[in-house]
Amino acid sequence: MSFKDYREESRANWGTSQSGNLTIKQIRVGALLRIADAVEKMAKSYDGMRIDRDWWKGEAEQRQEEVDGLKHIIRGLRGALTKAKR
């Protein structure tokens, strides 16, 4: 008996060659396969959004560090200016 992987077999193009109406069971299987395809597409989209979010989060943190450093420099320059005015 050969091993059949459920995951790979579920991705096979299933159908019937018989003419006439489909049974309720066949319609349900078709619906489940369509749902599985849609979920896989959504998961890919979600992964892309997560990667984008992580990149933008890193950029925001980097910019915030830069702003904080510049604020520190400005405070120092203002202090030096106040000292020079005296």
PDB file of N, CA and C in Angstrom:
ATOM      1  N   MET A   1       0.854  -1.181   0.000  1.00  0.00           N
ATOM      2  CA  MET A   1       0.000   0.000   0.000  1.00  0.00           C
ATOM      3  C   MET A   1       0.898   1.242   0.000  1.00  0.00           C
ATOM      4  N   SER A   2       0.663   2.155  -0.906  1.00  0.00           N
ATOM      5  CA  SER A   2       1.499   3.347  -1.002  1.00  0.00           C
ATOM      6  C   SER A   2       0.946   4.454  -0.100  1.00  0.00           C
ATOM      7  N   PHE A   3       1.868   5.278   0.351  1.00  0.00           N
ATOM      8  CA  PHE A   3       1.513   6.389   1.229  1.00  0.00           C
ATOM      9  C   PHE A   3       0.957   7.539   0.400  1.00  0.00           C
ATOM     10  N   LYS A   4      -0.173   8.090   0.830  1.00  0.00           N
ATOM     11  CA  LYS A   4      -0.755   9.251   0.161  1.00  0.00           C
ATOM     12  C   LYS A   4      -0.843  10.384   1.177  1.00  0.00           C
ATOM     13  N   ASP A   5      -0.217  11.468   0.830  1.00  0.00           N
ATOM     14  CA  ASP A   5      -0.213  12.641   1.703  1.00  0.00           C
ATOM     15  C   ASP A   5      -1.533  13.389   1.532  1.00  0.00           C
ATOM     16  N   TYR A   6      -2.261  13.575   2.623  1.00  0.00           N
ATOM     17  CA  TYR A   6      -3.562  14.248   2.550  1.00  0.00           C
ATOM     18  C   TYR A   6      -3.427  15.666   2.006  1.00  0.00           C
ATOM     19  N   ARG A   7      -2.388  16.356   2.449  1.00  0.00           N
ATOM     20  CA  ARG A   7      -2.203  17.745   2.020  1.00  0.00           C
ATOM     21  C   ARG A   7      -2.032  17.831   0.506  1.00  0.00           C
ATOM     22  N   GLU A   8      -1.170  16.991  -0.041  1.00  0.00           N
ATOM     23  CA  GLU A   8      -0.933  17.018  -1.488  1.00  0.00           C
ATOM     24  C   GLU A   8      -2.150  16.508  -2.263  1.00  0.00           C
ATOM     25  N   GLU A   9      -2.780  15.489  -1.753  1.00  0.00           N
ATOM     26  CA  GLU A   9      -3.955  14.944  -2.443  1.00  0.00           C
ATOM     27  C   GLU A   9      -5.108  15.943  -2.436  1.00  0.00           C
ATOM     28  N   SER A  10      -5.182  16.762  -1.372  1.00  0.00           N
ATOM     29  CA  SER A  10      -6.280  17.735  -1.308  1.00  0.00           C
ATOM     30  C   SER A  10      -6.109  18.835  -2.348  1.00  0.00           C
ATOM     31  N   ARG A  11      -4.878  19.037  -2.829  1.00  0.00           N
ATOM     32  CA  ARG A  11      -4.626  20.064  -3.834  1.00  0.00           C
ATOM     33  C   ARG A  11      -4.853  19.552  -5.259  1.00  0.00           C
ATOM     34  N   ALA A  12      -5.134  18.272  -5.391  1.00  0.00           N
ATOM     35  CA  ALA A  12      -5.378  17.701  -6.719  1.00  0.00           C
ATOM     36  C   ALA A  12      -6.670  18.285  -7.290  1.00  0.00           C
ATOM     37  N   ASN A  13      -6.754  18.311  -8.588  1.00  0.00           N
ATOM     38  CA  ASN A  13      -7.946  18.828  -9.249  1.00  0.00           C
ATOM     39  C   ASN A  13      -8.996  17.717  -9.269  1.00  0.00           C
ATOM     40  N   TRP A  14      -9.943  17.786  -8.343  1.00  0.00           N
ATOM     41  CA  TRP A  14     -10.948  16.747  -8.201  1.00  0.00           C
ATOM     42  C   TRP A  14     -12.164  17.073  -9.056  1.00  0.00           C
ATOM     43  N   GLY A  15     -12.850  16.056  -9.486  1.00  0.00           N
ATOM     44  CA  GLY A  15     -14.064  16.251 -10.265  1.00  0.00           C
ATOM     45  C   GLY A  15     -14.656  14.913 -10.661  1.00  0.00           C
ATOM     46  N   THR A  16     -15.633  14.970 -11.544  1.00  0.00           N
ATOM     47  CA  THR A  16     -16.287  13.749 -12.006  1.00  0.00           C
ATOM     48  C   THR A  16     -16.521  13.848 -13.502  1.00  0.00           C
ATOM     49  N   SER A  17     -16.544  12.709 -14.131  1.00  0.00           N
ATOM     50  CA  SER A  17     -16.797  12.701 -15.583  1.00  0.00           C
ATOM     51  C   SER A  17     -18.216  12.241 -15.889  1.00  0.00           C
ATOM     52  N   GLN A  18     -18.983  11.963 -14.852  1.00  0.00           N
ATOM     53  CA  GLN A  18     -20.355  11.501 -15.092  1.00  0.00           C
ATOM     54  C   GLN A  18     -21.258  12.675 -15.471  1.00  0.00           C
ATOM     55  N   SER A  19     -22.190  12.412 -16.327  1.00  0.00           N
ATOM     56  CA  SER A  19     -23.117  13.470 -16.740  1.00  0.00           C
ATOM     57  C   SER A  19     -24.280  13.519 -15.763  1.00  0.00           C
ATOM     58  N   GLY A  20     -24.947  14.637 -15.739  1.00  0.00           N
ATOM     59  CA  GLY A  20     -26.101  14.779 -14.849  1.00  0.00           C
ATOM     60  C   GLY A  20     -25.765  15.675 -13.670  1.00  0.00           C
ATOM     61  N   ASN A  21     -26.651  15.669 -12.714  1.00  0.00           N
ATOM     62  CA  ASN A  21     -26.501  16.528 -11.546  1.00  0.00           C
ATOM     63  C   ASN A  21     -25.487  15.960 -10.558  1.00  0.00           C
ATOM     64  N   LEU A  22     -24.836  16.863  -9.863  1.00  0.00           N
ATOM     65  CA  LEU A  22     -23.892  16.443  -8.817  1.00  0.00           C
ATOM     66  C   LEU A  22     -24.659  16.125  -7.547  1.00  0.00           C
ATOM     67  N   THR A  23     -24.077  15.239  -6.739  1.00  0.00           N
ATOM     68  CA  THR A  23     -24.695  14.925  -5.453  1.00  0.00           C
ATOM     69  C   THR A  23     -24.342  16.014  -4.448  1.00  0.00           C
ATOM     70  N   ILE A  24     -25.088  16.045  -3.375  1.00  0.00           N
ATOM     71  CA  ILE A  24     -24.828  17.029  -2.315  1.00  0.00           C
ATOM     72  C   ILE A  24     -23.408  16.843  -1.776  1.00  0.00           C
ATOM     73  N   LYS A  25     -22.971  15.605  -1.630  1.00  0.00           N
ATOM     74  CA  LYS A  25     -21.632  15.332  -1.125  1.00  0.00           C
ATOM     75  C   LYS A  25     -20.572  15.913  -2.063  1.00  0.00           C
ATOM     76  N   GLN A  26     -20.763  15.766  -3.366  1.00  0.00           N
ATOM     77  CA  GLN A  26     -19.809  16.304  -4.333  1.00  0.00           C
ATOM     78  C   GLN A  26     -19.798  17.835  -4.291  1.00  0.00           C
ATOM     79  N   ILE A  27     -20.957  18.445  -4.127  1.00  0.00           N
ATOM     80  CA  ILE A  27     -21.033  19.898  -4.031  1.00  0.00           C
ATOM     81  C   ILE A  27     -20.319  20.382  -2.773  1.00  0.00           C
ATOM     82  N   ARG A  28     -20.520  19.665  -1.668  1.00  0.00           N
ATOM     83  CA  ARG A  28     -19.850  20.041  -0.410  1.00  0.00           C
ATOM     84  C   ARG A  28     -18.333  19.935  -0.535  1.00  0.00           C
ATOM     85  N   VAL A  29     -17.867  18.879  -1.165  1.00  0.00           N
ATOM     86  CA  VAL A  29     -16.423  18.714  -1.369  1.00  0.00           C
ATOM     87  C   VAL A  29     -15.885  19.860  -2.217  1.00  0.00           C
ATOM     88  N   GLY A  30     -16.602  20.219  -3.266  1.00  0.00           N
ATOM     89  CA  GLY A  30     -16.184  21.333  -4.117  1.00  0.00           C
ATOM     90  C   GLY A  30     -16.133  22.635  -3.346  1.00  0.00           C
ATOM     91  N   ALA A  31     -17.131  22.858  -2.495  1.00  0.00           N
ATOM     92  CA  ALA A  31     -17.162  24.077  -1.691  1.00  0.00           C
ATOM     93  C   ALA A  31     -15.988  24.114  -0.713  1.00  0.00           C
ATOM     94  N   LEU A  32     -15.706  22.988  -0.082  1.00  0.00           N
ATOM     95  CA  LEU A  32     -14.574  22.932   0.850  1.00  0.00           C
ATOM     96  C   LEU A  32     -13.250  23.195   0.137  1.00  0.00           C
ATOM     97  N   LEU A  33     -13.102  22.666  -1.062  1.00  0.00           N
ATOM     98  CA  LEU A  33     -11.876  22.895  -1.830  1.00  0.00           C
ATOM     99  C   LEU A  33     -11.736  24.370  -2.203  1.00  0.00           C
ATOM    100  N   ARG A  34     -12.843  25.018  -2.555  1.00  0.00           N
ATOM    101  CA  ARG A  34     -12.794  26.444  -2.878  1.00  0.00           C
ATOM    102  C   ARG A  34     -12.438  27.264  -1.640  1.00  0.00           C
ATOM    103  N   ILE A  35     -13.004  26.879  -0.486  1.00  0.00           N
ATOM    104  CA  ILE A  35     -12.689  27.576   0.763  1.00  0.00           C
ATOM    105  C   ILE A  35     -11.210  27.413   1.087  1.00  0.00           C
ATOM    106  N   ALA A  36     -10.685  26.211   0.905  1.00  0.00           N
ATOM    107  CA  ALA A  36      -9.266  25.971   1.189  1.00  0.00           C
ATOM    108  C   ALA A  36      -8.383  26.821   0.280  1.00  0.00           C
ATOM    109  N   ASP A  37      -8.732  26.931  -0.983  1.00  0.00           N
ATOM    110  CA  ASP A  37      -7.963  27.779  -1.903  1.00  0.00           C
ATOM    111  C   ASP A  37      -7.992  29.236  -1.462  1.00  0.00           C
ATOM    112  N   ALA A  38      -9.169  29.710  -1.062  1.00  0.00           N
ATOM    113  CA  ALA A  38      -9.301  31.107  -0.627  1.00  0.00           C
ATOM    114  C   ALA A  38      -8.485  31.370   0.636  1.00  0.00           C
ATOM    115  N   VAL A  39      -8.493  30.431   1.555  1.00  0.00           N
ATOM    116  CA  VAL A  39      -7.736  30.599   2.805  1.00  0.00           C
ATOM    117  C   VAL A  39      -6.241  30.653   2.516  1.00  0.00           C
ATOM    118  N   GLU A  40      -5.768  29.824   1.598  1.00  0.00           N
ATOM    119  CA  GLU A  40      -4.348  29.852   1.237  1.00  0.00           C
ATOM    120  C   GLU A  40      -3.961  31.199   0.628  1.00  0.00           C
ATOM    121  N   LYS A  41      -4.821  31.756  -0.215  1.00  0.00           N
ATOM    122  CA  LYS A  41      -4.540  33.066  -0.807  1.00  0.00           C
ATOM    123  C   LYS A  41      -4.524  34.155   0.256  1.00  0.00           C
ATOM    124  N   MET A  42      -5.459  34.079   1.206  1.00  0.00           N
ATOM    125  CA  MET A  42      -5.493  35.075   2.283  1.00  0.00           C
ATOM    126  C   MET A  42      -4.242  34.976   3.146  1.00  0.00           C
ATOM    127  N   ALA A  43      -3.771  33.760   3.373  1.00  0.00           N
ATOM    128  CA  ALA A  43      -2.575  33.583   4.192  1.00  0.00           C
ATOM    129  C   ALA A  43      -1.361  34.215   3.519  1.00  0.00           C
ATOM    130  N   LYS A  44      -1.252  34.078   2.203  1.00  0.00           N
ATOM    131  CA  LYS A  44      -0.143  34.708   1.476  1.00  0.00           C
ATOM    132  C   LYS A  44      -0.227  36.218   1.591  1.00  0.00           C
ATOM    133  N   SER A  45      -1.425  36.761   1.452  1.00  0.00           N
ATOM    134  CA  SER A  45      -1.627  38.206   1.558  1.00  0.00           C
ATOM    135  C   SER A  45      -1.274  38.672   2.968  1.00  0.00           C
ATOM    136  N   TYR A  46      -1.676  37.909   3.965  1.00  0.00           N
ATOM    137  CA  TYR A  46      -1.386  38.252   5.355  1.00  0.00           C
ATOM    138  C   TYR A  46       0.118  38.268   5.599  1.00  0.00           C
ATOM    139  N   ASP A  47       0.829  37.299   5.063  1.00  0.00           N
ATOM    140  CA  ASP A  47       2.279  37.252   5.235  1.00  0.00           C
ATOM    141  C   ASP A  47       2.934  38.493   4.637  1.00  0.00           C
ATOM    142  N   GLY A  48       2.463  38.906   3.466  1.00  0.00           N
ATOM    143  CA  GLY A  48       3.003  40.109   2.839  1.00  0.00           C
ATOM    144  C   GLY A  48       2.749  41.343   3.679  1.00  0.00           C
ATOM    145  N   MET A  49       1.547  41.449   4.228  1.00  0.00           N
ATOM    146  CA  MET A  49       1.225  42.601   5.082  1.00  0.00           C
ATOM    147  C   MET A  49       2.072  42.591   6.350  1.00  0.00           C
ATOM    148  N   ARG A  50       2.313  41.409   6.910  1.00  0.00           N
ATOM    149  CA  ARG A  50       3.121  41.306   8.120  1.00  0.00           C
ATOM    150  C   ARG A  50       4.557  41.742   7.853  1.00  0.00           C
ATOM    151  N   ILE A  51       5.097  41.347   6.722  1.00  0.00           N
ATOM    152  CA  ILE A  51       6.461  41.743   6.356  1.00  0.00           C
ATOM    153  C   ILE A  51       6.537  43.253   6.174  1.00  0.00           C
ATOM    154  N   ASP A  52       5.540  43.831   5.491  1.00  0.00           N
ATOM    155  CA  ASP A  52       5.504  45.287   5.310  1.00  0.00           C
ATOM    156  C   ASP A  52       5.410  46.005   6.654  1.00  0.00           C
ATOM    157  N   ARG A  53       4.536  45.496   7.528  1.00  0.00           N
ATOM    158  CA  ARG A  53       4.372  46.109   8.841  1.00  0.00           C
ATOM    159  C   ARG A  53       5.682  46.094   9.622  1.00  0.00           C
ATOM    160  N   ASP A  54       6.373  44.976   9.615  1.00  0.00           N
ATOM    161  CA  ASP A  54       7.640  44.880  10.340  1.00  0.00           C
ATOM    162  C   ASP A  54       8.668  45.858   9.774  1.00  0.00           C
ATOM    163  N   TRP A  55       8.691  46.020   8.454  1.00  0.00           N
ATOM    164  CA  TRP A  55       9.639  46.953   7.846  1.00  0.00           C
ATOM    165  C   TRP A  55       9.320  48.379   8.257  1.00  0.00           C
ATOM    166  N   TRP A  56       8.041  48.750   8.160  1.00  0.00           N
ATOM    167  CA  TRP A  56       7.652  50.115   8.535  1.00  0.00           C
ATOM    168  C   TRP A  56       7.873  50.367  10.016  1.00  0.00           C
ATOM    169  N   LYS A  57       7.659  49.373  10.841  1.00  0.00           N
ATOM    170  CA  LYS A  57       7.895  49.521  12.281  1.00  0.00           C
ATOM    171  C   LYS A  57       9.369  49.783  12.541  1.00  0.00           C
ATOM    172  N   GLY A  58      10.230  49.051  11.863  1.00  0.00           N
ATOM    173  CA  GLY A  58      11.675  49.268  12.002  1.00  0.00           C
ATOM    174  C   GLY A  58      12.073  50.655  11.551  1.00  0.00           C
ATOM    175  N   GLU A  59      11.494  51.105  10.421  1.00  0.00           N
ATOM    176  CA  GLU A  59      11.784  52.455   9.933  1.00  0.00           C
ATOM    177  C   GLU A  59      11.341  53.507  10.938  1.00  0.00           C
ATOM    178  N   ALA A  60      10.164  53.344  11.518  1.00  0.00           N
ATOM    179  CA  ALA A  60       9.645  54.308  12.490  1.00  0.00           C
ATOM    180  C   ALA A  60      10.533  54.359  13.727  1.00  0.00           C
ATOM    181  N   GLU A  61      10.981  53.197  14.202  1.00  0.00           N
ATOM    182  CA  GLU A  61      11.859  53.170  15.372  1.00  0.00           C
ATOM    183  C   GLU A  61      13.188  53.856  15.070  1.00  0.00           C
ATOM    184  N   GLN A  62      13.711  53.617  13.877  1.00  0.00           N
ATOM    185  CA  GLN A  62      14.972  54.241  13.485  1.00  0.00           C
ATOM    186  C   GLN A  62      14.822  55.761  13.415  1.00  0.00           C
ATOM    187  N   ARG A  63      13.722  56.215  12.840  1.00  0.00           N
ATOM    188  CA  ARG A  63      13.491  57.673  12.742  1.00  0.00           C
ATOM    189  C   ARG A  63      13.291  58.287  14.115  1.00  0.00           C
ATOM    190  N   GLN A  64      12.618  57.559  15.007  1.00  0.00           N
ATOM    191  CA  GLN A  64      12.402  58.086  16.352  1.00  0.00           C
ATOM    192  C   GLN A  64      13.722  58.238  17.087  1.00  0.00           C
ATOM    193  N   GLU A  65      14.624  57.291  16.926  1.00  0.00           N
ATOM    194  CA  GLU A  65      15.957  57.404  17.537  1.00  0.00           C
ATOM    195  C   GLU A  65      16.686  58.629  16.987  1.00  0.00           C
ATOM    196  N   GLU A  66      16.556  58.848  15.691  1.00  0.00           N
ATOM    197  CA  GLU A  66      17.202  60.003  15.069  1.00  0.00           C
ATOM    198  C   GLU A  66      16.619  61.303  15.616  1.00  0.00           C
ATOM    199  N   VAL A  67      15.294  61.359  15.750  1.00  0.00           N
ATOM    200  CA  VAL A  67      14.637  62.556  16.292  1.00  0.00           C
ATOM    201  C   VAL A  67      15.076  62.798  17.727  1.00  0.00           C
ATOM    202  N   ASP A  68      15.128  61.741  18.520  1.00  0.00           N
ATOM    203  CA  ASP A  68      15.561  61.888  19.912  1.00  0.00           C
ATOM    204  C   ASP A  68      16.989  62.426  19.990  1.00  0.00           C
ATOM    205  N   GLY A  69      17.868  61.930  19.132  1.00  0.00           N
ATOM    206  CA  GLY A  69      19.248  62.415  19.107  1.00  0.00           C
ATOM    207  C   GLY A  69      19.317  63.881  18.714  1.00  0.00           C
ATOM    208  N   LEU A  70      18.523  64.265  17.725  1.00  0.00           N
ATOM    209  CA  LEU A  70      18.508  65.670  17.293  1.00  0.00           C
ATOM    210  C   LEU A  70      17.942  66.583  18.382  1.00  0.00           C
ATOM    211  N   LYS A  71      16.937  66.109  19.111  1.00  0.00           N
ATOM    212  CA  LYS A  71      16.393  66.898  20.223  1.00  0.00           C
ATOM    213  C   LYS A  71      17.461  67.126  21.290  1.00  0.00           C
ATOM    214  N   HIS A  72      18.262  66.100  21.535  1.00  0.00           N
ATOM    215  CA  HIS A  72      19.337  66.219  22.517  1.00  0.00           C
ATOM    216  C   HIS A  72      20.351  67.273  22.061  1.00  0.00           C
ATOM    217  N   ILE A  73      20.691  67.249  20.794  1.00  0.00           N
ATOM    218  CA  ILE A  73      21.634  68.236  20.245  1.00  0.00           C
ATOM    219  C   ILE A  73      21.055  69.643  20.361  1.00  0.00           C
ATOM    220  N   ILE A  74      19.776  69.792  20.041  1.00  0.00           N
ATOM    221  CA  ILE A  74      19.131  71.109  20.118  1.00  0.00           C
ATOM    222  C   ILE A  74      19.149  71.631  21.550  1.00  0.00           C
ATOM    223  N   ARG A  75      18.861  70.757  22.522  1.00  0.00           N
ATOM    224  CA  ARG A  75      18.907  71.204  23.932  1.00  0.00           C
ATOM    225  C   ARG A  75      20.302  71.678  24.311  1.00  0.00           C
ATOM    226  N   GLY A  76      21.298  70.954  23.856  1.00  0.00           N
ATOM    227  CA  GLY A  76      22.676  71.353  24.149  1.00  0.00           C
ATOM    228  C   GLY A  76      23.021  72.686  23.507  1.00  0.00           C
ATOM    229  N   LEU A  77      22.610  72.896  22.264  1.00  0.00           N
ATOM    230  CA  LEU A  77      22.892  74.159  21.583  1.00  0.00           C
ATOM    231  C   LEU A  77      22.144  75.320  22.227  1.00  0.00           C
ATOM    232  N   ARG A  78      20.929  75.097  22.654  1.00  0.00           N
ATOM    233  CA  ARG A  78      20.180  76.155  23.346  1.00  0.00           C
ATOM    234  C   ARG A  78      20.856  76.529  24.656  1.00  0.00           C
ATOM    235  N   GLY A  79      21.353  75.534  25.361  1.00  0.00           N
ATOM    236  CA  GLY A  79      22.081  75.810  26.602  1.00  0.00           C
ATOM    237  C   GLY A  79      23.342  76.609  26.336  1.00  0.00           C
ATOM    238  N   ALA A  80      24.076  76.236  25.285  1.00  0.00           N
ATOM    239  CA  ALA A  80      25.288  76.964  24.932  1.00  0.00           C
ATOM    240  C   ALA A  80      24.961  78.393  24.513  1.00  0.00           C
ATOM    241  N   LEU A  81      23.877  78.584  23.806  1.00  0.00           N
ATOM    242  CA  LEU A  81      23.446  79.925  23.381  1.00  0.00           C
ATOM    243  C   LEU A  81      23.071  80.783  24.592  1.00  0.00           C
ATOM    244  N   THR A  82      22.368  80.191  25.529  1.00  0.00           N
ATOM    245  CA  THR A  82      22.001  80.925  26.745  1.00  0.00           C
ATOM    246  C   THR A  82      23.239  81.326  27.524  1.00  0.00           C
ATOM    247  N   LYS A  83      24.217  80.426  27.611  1.00  0.00           N
ATOM    248  CA  LYS A  83      25.476  80.732  28.300  1.00  0.00           C
ATOM    249  C   LYS A  83      26.216  81.865  27.581  1.00  0.00           C
ATOM    250  N   ALA A  84      26.229  81.839  26.274  1.00  0.00           N
ATOM    251  CA  ALA A  84      26.959  82.845  25.497  1.00  0.00           C
ATOM    252  C   ALA A  84      26.306  84.218  25.634  1.00  0.00           C
ATOM    253  N   LYS A  85      24.993  84.262  25.824  1.00  0.00           N
ATOM    254  CA  LYS A  85      24.300  85.542  25.979  1.00  0.00           C
ATOM    255  C   LYS A  85      24.669  86.220  27.305  1.00  0.00           C
ATOM    256  N   ARG A  86      25.036  85.453  28.301  1.00  0.00           N
ATOM    257  CA  ARG A  86      25.367  86.036  29.619  1.00  0.00           C
ATOM    258  C   ARG A  86      26.684  86.664  29.540  1.00  0.00           C
TER     259      ARG A  86
END
